Amino acid sequence: MLPTPTHPLRYAAGLLVFAAVAFVALIVGAFGFITLFTDTEVIQEPDAGTALGPLMVLAATVLLAVLLFASARSRGGIVLRMPVLRSLVIAVSVYLAFVFSGGLLYGLGAGSLISVLIFAAAHAVDPFALALLPITLAVALSYFGVLVARSHN
């Protein structure tokens, strides 16, 4: 007896869990290698605390999940072509969420608006934030690639 096919949106939601876990795993690995080779910390500000970096990654992961699922949902879970431009937009959005969530959280702790801008500007060009662009692009393209392959079967 053949298995019952799952609804495309249910499949897209299940695949989203794997994409989010892969995203976090790739970030942890990339941040580890960058730290090892550059001998720098992800967050150099000593008054930032230990939770800021993980919260920034959490914000980026949540946005990635929301954007991927919203994109799949708008098509009913059936993706016929690779949305490369949409994947690029998602990558830039996740990068900006990472940078600005860190700035906002740091600014809340510091209590000044200028510290938000200084933190965001300083971390916008560091290798940790820039590493998010290719990682997010790879995860988004992989997610959509699996949905395209499934839609053609």
Protein backbone atom coordinates (compact mmCIF):
# COMPACT_ATOMS: atom_id res chain seq x y z
CA MET A 1 0.00 0.00 0.00
CA LEU A 2 1.35 3.43 -0.94
CA PRO A 3 1.72 6.10 1.75
CA THR A 4 -0.80 8.93 1.71
CA PRO A 5 0.81 12.10 0.32
CA THR A 6 0.98 14.97 2.77
CA HIS A 7 -0.53 18.35 2.02
CA PRO A 8 2.05 20.69 0.42
CA LEU A 9 1.76 23.27 3.21
CA ARG A 10 2.19 20.62 5.89
CA TYR A 11 5.31 19.41 4.08
CA ALA A 12 6.60 23.00 3.80
CA ALA A 13 6.06 23.51 7.54
CA GLY A 14 7.92 20.31 8.40
CA LEU A 15 10.75 21.23 6.07
CA LEU A 16 10.88 24.64 7.74
CA VAL A 17 11.92 23.00 11.02
CA PHE A 18 14.87 21.38 9.28
CA ALA A 19 15.78 24.65 7.57
CA ALA A 20 15.74 26.57 10.85
CA VAL A 21 17.86 23.97 12.64
CA ALA A 22 20.32 23.88 9.73
CA PHE A 23 20.47 27.68 9.77
CA VAL A 24 21.35 27.81 13.47
CA ALA A 25 23.89 25.00 13.07
CA LEU A 26 25.58 26.79 10.17
CA ILE A 27 25.68 30.05 12.11
CA VAL A 28 27.23 28.39 15.15
CA GLY A 29 29.83 26.70 12.96
CA ALA A 30 30.64 29.84 11.00
CA PHE A 31 30.86 31.99 14.12
CA GLY A 32 33.16 29.41 15.68
CA PHE A 33 35.50 29.41 12.71
CA ILE A 34 35.48 33.20 12.44
CA THR A 35 36.27 33.48 16.15
CA LEU A 36 39.04 30.92 15.83
CA PHE A 37 40.71 32.51 12.82
CA THR A 38 40.30 36.18 13.73
CA ASP A 39 40.69 35.86 17.51
CA THR A 40 37.69 38.13 18.08
CA GLU A 41 34.42 37.72 19.92
CA VAL A 42 31.02 37.93 18.24
CA ILE A 43 30.03 40.78 20.56
CA GLN A 44 33.07 42.86 21.55
CA GLU A 45 31.22 45.20 23.91
CA PRO A 46 31.93 44.01 27.47
CA ASP A 47 28.76 45.63 28.84
CA ALA A 48 26.50 43.80 26.36
CA GLY A 49 26.17 40.66 28.44
CA THR A 50 26.09 37.06 27.32
CA ALA A 51 22.52 36.89 26.01
CA LEU A 52 22.81 39.50 23.26
CA GLY A 53 24.47 37.28 20.66
CA PRO A 54 22.02 34.37 21.04
CA LEU A 55 19.08 36.79 20.99
CA MET A 56 20.36 38.28 17.73
CA VAL A 57 20.61 34.78 16.23
CA LEU A 58 17.12 34.01 17.53
CA ALA A 59 15.71 37.14 15.87
CA ALA A 60 17.38 36.22 12.59
CA THR A 61 16.13 32.63 12.79
CA VAL A 62 12.55 33.65 13.55
CA LEU A 63 12.51 36.11 10.66
CA LEU A 64 13.97 33.50 8.31
CA ALA A 65 11.30 30.99 9.32
CA VAL A 66 8.50 33.51 8.93
CA LEU A 67 9.69 34.68 5.52
CA LEU A 68 10.29 31.17 4.18
CA PHE A 69 6.91 29.89 5.30
CA ALA A 70 5.09 33.02 4.14
CA SER A 71 6.66 32.59 0.72
CA ALA A 72 5.71 28.91 0.55
CA ARG A 73 2.24 29.64 1.92
CA SER A 74 1.56 32.30 -0.69
CA ARG A 75 1.98 29.57 -3.30
CA GLY A 76 -0.02 26.97 -1.41
CA GLY A 77 3.15 25.04 -0.67
CA ILE A 78 3.69 24.36 -4.37
CA VAL A 79 6.82 26.03 -5.70
CA LEU A 80 7.45 25.42 -9.41
CA ARG A 81 10.51 27.62 -9.99
CA MET A 82 13.46 28.62 -7.83
CA PRO A 83 12.74 32.07 -6.35
CA VAL A 84 16.32 33.33 -6.46
CA LEU A 85 15.46 37.01 -6.11
CA ARG A 86 13.13 36.27 -3.21
CA SER A 87 15.93 34.27 -1.58
CA LEU A 88 18.28 37.24 -1.94
CA VAL A 89 15.67 39.53 -0.36
CA ILE A 90 15.24 37.06 2.49
CA ALA A 91 19.02 36.93 3.02
CA VAL A 92 19.31 40.72 3.21
CA SER A 93 16.27 40.93 5.51
CA VAL A 94 17.71 38.37 7.91
CA TYR A 95 21.06 40.18 7.91
CA LEU A 96 19.33 43.47 8.75
CA ALA A 97 17.25 41.78 11.46
CA PHE A 98 20.43 40.40 13.01
CA VAL A 99 22.16 43.78 13.02
CA PHE A 100 19.23 45.91 14.13
CA SER A 101 17.90 43.52 16.75
CA GLY A 102 21.34 43.61 18.33
CA GLY A 103 21.36 47.39 18.15
CA LEU A 104 17.91 47.66 19.72
CA LEU A 105 18.68 45.19 22.50
CA TYR A 106 22.02 46.81 23.22
CA GLY A 107 20.38 50.25 23.19
CA LEU A 108 17.74 49.08 25.67
CA GLY A 109 20.50 48.02 28.03
CA ALA A 110 22.55 51.16 27.50
CA GLY A 111 19.53 53.43 27.64
CA SER A 112 20.41 55.70 24.73
CA LEU A 113 19.33 55.96 21.13
CA ILE A 114 22.80 56.82 19.90
CA SER A 115 24.16 53.53 21.25
CA VAL A 116 21.62 51.71 19.06
CA LEU A 117 23.04 53.36 15.97
CA ILE A 118 26.67 52.96 17.00
CA PHE A 119 26.20 49.25 17.78
CA ALA A 120 24.30 48.59 14.55
CA ALA A 121 26.83 50.47 12.43
CA ALA A 122 29.79 48.71 14.06
CA HIS A 123 28.27 45.26 13.66
CA ALA A 124 26.93 45.79 10.16
CA VAL A 125 30.38 45.33 8.68
CA ASP A 126 31.87 42.73 11.00
CA PRO A 127 32.52 39.24 9.60
CA PHE A 128 29.93 37.64 11.86
CA ALA A 129 27.04 39.64 10.44
CA LEU A 130 28.36 39.36 6.90
CA ALA A 131 28.55 35.57 7.27
CA LEU A 132 24.77 35.54 7.62
CA LEU A 133 24.27 36.58 4.00
CA PRO A 134 25.66 33.44 2.29
CA ILE A 135 24.34 31.17 5.05
CA THR A 136 20.82 32.56 4.72
CA LEU A 137 20.97 32.43 0.95
CA ALA A 138 22.10 28.79 1.02
CA VAL A 139 19.36 27.79 3.46
CA ALA A 140 16.64 29.66 1.53
CA LEU A 141 17.72 28.21 -1.81
CA SER A 142 17.90 24.73 -0.30
CA TYR A 143 14.43 25.10 1.23
CA PHE A 144 12.92 26.26 -2.04
CA GLY A 145 14.90 23.68 -4.00
CA VAL A 146 13.36 20.85 -2.00
CA LEU A 147 9.89 22.35 -2.47
CA VAL A 148 10.48 22.69 -6.22
CA ALA A 149 11.65 19.08 -6.46
CA ARG A 150 8.62 17.90 -4.52
CA SER A 151 6.24 20.00 -6.59
CA HIS A 152 7.50 18.38 -9.80
CA ASN A 153 6.85 14.86 -8.50
